[in-house]
Amino acid sequence: MPSAALSSAGKYVLKVTLDNCVNYDTVEVAVKKQPTFTLTSNSPFCEGDTLKLQSQGRTIGNSICLAGAKAIGDNRPLIIQPKATISHSGL
């Protein structure tokens, strides 16, 4: 399924035929809703300042991992990185 939708969930049946012999198997497929959120920061800032990253809209208990020039992982909605360096820059 190149682009599964919530409506794609359900029971799927595979039928295989070989030399007039038939066999079946089934699988139950669950499709979960894609998480939605926004991420903001206090960028731009100067080297040595405090970097602040704020995530909103995500479910409490979910973790976030920010991949960039210097990855940061945390499960808090507000990440504060004091004394930020040039290595914290990036997309």
C-alpha atoms as a PDB file:
ATOM      1  CA  MET A   1       0.000   0.000   0.000  1.00  0.00           C
ATOM      2  CA  PRO A   2       1.899   3.060  -1.158  1.00  0.00           C
ATOM      3  CA  SER A   3      -0.367   5.475   0.721  1.00  0.00           C
ATOM      4  CA  ALA A   4      -2.443   3.740   3.380  1.00  0.00           C
ATOM      5  CA  ALA A   5      -5.494   5.625   4.612  1.00  0.00           C
ATOM      6  CA  LEU A   6      -7.568   5.007   7.719  1.00  0.00           C
ATOM      7  CA  SER A   7     -10.132   3.444   5.396  1.00  0.00           C
ATOM      8  CA  SER A   8      -7.502   0.860   4.327  1.00  0.00           C
ATOM      9  CA  ALA A   9      -7.759  -0.895   7.685  1.00  0.00           C
ATOM     10  CA  GLY A  10      -9.475  -4.248   7.814  1.00  0.00           C
ATOM     11  CA  LYS A  11      -9.136  -7.904   6.929  1.00  0.00           C
ATOM     12  CA  TYR A  12      -7.215  -8.860   3.781  1.00  0.00           C
ATOM     13  CA  VAL A  13      -7.374 -12.306   2.162  1.00  0.00           C
ATOM     14  CA  LEU A  14      -4.634 -13.762  -0.008  1.00  0.00           C
ATOM     15  CA  LYS A  15      -5.589 -16.508  -2.446  1.00  0.00           C
ATOM     16  CA  VAL A  16      -2.817 -18.552  -4.064  1.00  0.00           C
ATOM     17  CA  THR A  17      -3.468 -21.061  -6.821  1.00  0.00           C
ATOM     18  CA  LEU A  18      -0.858 -23.531  -8.062  1.00  0.00           C
ATOM     19  CA  ASP A  19      -1.613 -26.501 -10.316  1.00  0.00           C
ATOM     20  CA  ASN A  20      -5.364 -26.322  -9.521  1.00  0.00           C
ATOM     21  CA  CYS A  21      -4.643 -26.346  -5.770  1.00  0.00           C
ATOM     22  CA  VAL A  22      -5.878 -23.343  -3.820  1.00  0.00           C
ATOM     23  CA  ASN A  23      -4.848 -22.012  -0.435  1.00  0.00           C
ATOM     24  CA  TYR A  24      -5.908 -18.926   1.506  1.00  0.00           C
ATOM     25  CA  ASP A  25      -4.441 -16.834   4.285  1.00  0.00           C
ATOM     26  CA  THR A  26      -5.734 -13.710   6.019  1.00  0.00           C
ATOM     27  CA  VAL A  27      -4.208 -10.810   7.860  1.00  0.00           C
ATOM     28  CA  GLU A  28      -5.790  -7.987   9.868  1.00  0.00           C
ATOM     29  CA  VAL A  29      -4.349  -4.565   8.995  1.00  0.00           C
ATOM     30  CA  ALA A  30      -4.591  -1.626  11.412  1.00  0.00           C
ATOM     31  CA  VAL A  31      -3.900   1.905  10.156  1.00  0.00           C
ATOM     32  CA  LYS A  32      -3.261   4.517  12.842  1.00  0.00           C
ATOM     33  CA  LYS A  33      -3.960   8.211  12.505  1.00  0.00           C
ATOM     34  CA  GLN A  34      -0.915  10.309  11.609  1.00  0.00           C
ATOM     35  CA  PRO A  35       0.136  12.566  14.517  1.00  0.00           C
ATOM     36  CA  THR A  36      -0.290  16.301  13.999  1.00  0.00           C
ATOM     37  CA  PHE A  37       1.790  18.980  15.673  1.00  0.00           C
ATOM     38  CA  THR A  38       3.583  22.273  15.169  1.00  0.00           C
ATOM     39  CA  LEU A  39       7.157  23.104  16.065  1.00  0.00           C
ATOM     40  CA  THR A  40       8.391  26.623  16.775  1.00  0.00           C
ATOM     41  CA  SER A  41      11.682  28.064  17.939  1.00  0.00           C
ATOM     42  CA  ASN A  42      13.240  31.331  19.036  1.00  0.00           C
ATOM     43  CA  SER A  43      15.446  31.329  15.922  1.00  0.00           C
ATOM     44  CA  PRO A  44      17.448  33.220  14.848  1.00  0.00           C
ATOM     45  CA  PHE A  45      19.665  33.602  17.892  1.00  0.00           C
ATOM     46  CA  CYS A  46      23.334  34.201  18.560  1.00  0.00           C
ATOM     47  CA  GLU A  47      25.911  31.567  19.442  1.00  0.00           C
ATOM     48  CA  GLY A  48      25.944  31.182  23.215  1.00  0.00           C
ATOM     49  CA  ASP A  49      22.266  32.137  23.573  1.00  0.00           C
ATOM     50  CA  THR A  50      19.596  29.680  24.708  1.00  0.00           C
ATOM     51  CA  LEU A  51      17.824  27.680  21.996  1.00  0.00           C
ATOM     52  CA  LYS A  52      14.115  27.079  22.717  1.00  0.00           C
ATOM     53  CA  LEU A  53      12.056  24.545  20.767  1.00  0.00           C
ATOM     54  CA  GLN A  54       8.317  24.306  21.468  1.00  0.00           C
ATOM     55  CA  SER A  55       6.077  21.518  20.154  1.00  0.00           C
ATOM     56  CA  GLN A  56       2.308  21.917  20.272  1.00  0.00           C
ATOM     57  CA  GLY A  57      -0.541  19.604  19.426  1.00  0.00           C
ATOM     58  CA  ARG A  58       1.174  16.297  20.093  1.00  0.00           C
ATOM     59  CA  THR A  59      -0.197  13.789  22.575  1.00  0.00           C
ATOM     60  CA  ILE A  60       1.371  13.756  26.029  1.00  0.00           C
ATOM     61  CA  GLY A  61       3.604  10.728  26.388  1.00  0.00           C
ATOM     62  CA  ASN A  62       4.777  10.731  22.779  1.00  0.00           C
ATOM     63  CA  SER A  63       8.442  11.468  22.301  1.00  0.00           C
ATOM     64  CA  ILE A  64      10.012  13.732  19.731  1.00  0.00           C
ATOM     65  CA  CYS A  65      13.396  13.521  18.089  1.00  0.00           C
ATOM     66  CA  LEU A  66      14.709  16.562  16.298  1.00  0.00           C
ATOM     67  CA  ALA A  67      17.117  15.625  13.565  1.00  0.00           C
ATOM     68  CA  GLY A  68      19.330  18.403  12.347  1.00  0.00           C
ATOM     69  CA  ALA A  69      22.932  19.417  12.444  1.00  0.00           C
ATOM     70  CA  LYS A  70      22.916  18.371  16.124  1.00  0.00           C
ATOM     71  CA  ALA A  71      20.067  15.991  16.989  1.00  0.00           C
ATOM     72  CA  ILE A  72      18.061  16.533  20.183  1.00  0.00           C
ATOM     73  CA  GLY A  73      15.669  13.957  21.624  1.00  0.00           C
ATOM     74  CA  ASP A  74      13.239  14.580  24.450  1.00  0.00           C
ATOM     75  CA  ASN A  75       9.663  13.916  25.518  1.00  0.00           C
ATOM     76  CA  ARG A  76       8.901  17.372  26.945  1.00  0.00           C
ATOM     77  CA  PRO A  77       6.876  19.888  24.910  1.00  0.00           C
ATOM     78  CA  LEU A  78       9.517  22.588  25.561  1.00  0.00           C
ATOM     79  CA  ILE A  79      13.179  21.842  24.939  1.00  0.00           C
ATOM     80  CA  ILE A  80      15.711  24.376  26.192  1.00  0.00           C
ATOM     81  CA  GLN A  81      19.335  24.098  25.065  1.00  0.00           C
ATOM     82  CA  PRO A  82      21.477  26.644  26.923  1.00  0.00           C
ATOM     83  CA  LYS A  83      24.667  27.945  25.328  1.00  0.00           C
ATOM     84  CA  ALA A  84      23.719  26.878  21.823  1.00  0.00           C
ATOM     85  CA  THR A  85      26.507  26.522  19.298  1.00  0.00           C
ATOM     86  CA  ILE A  86      26.735  26.766  15.523  1.00  0.00           C
ATOM     87  CA  SER A  87      26.273  22.967  15.475  1.00  0.00           C
ATOM     88  CA  HIS A  88      22.628  23.486  16.527  1.00  0.00           C
ATOM     89  CA  SER A  89      21.922  25.211  13.188  1.00  0.00           C
ATOM     90  CA  GLY A  90      20.201  23.458  10.325  1.00  0.00           C
ATOM     91  CA  LEU A  91      16.930  22.365   8.809  1.00  0.00           C
END
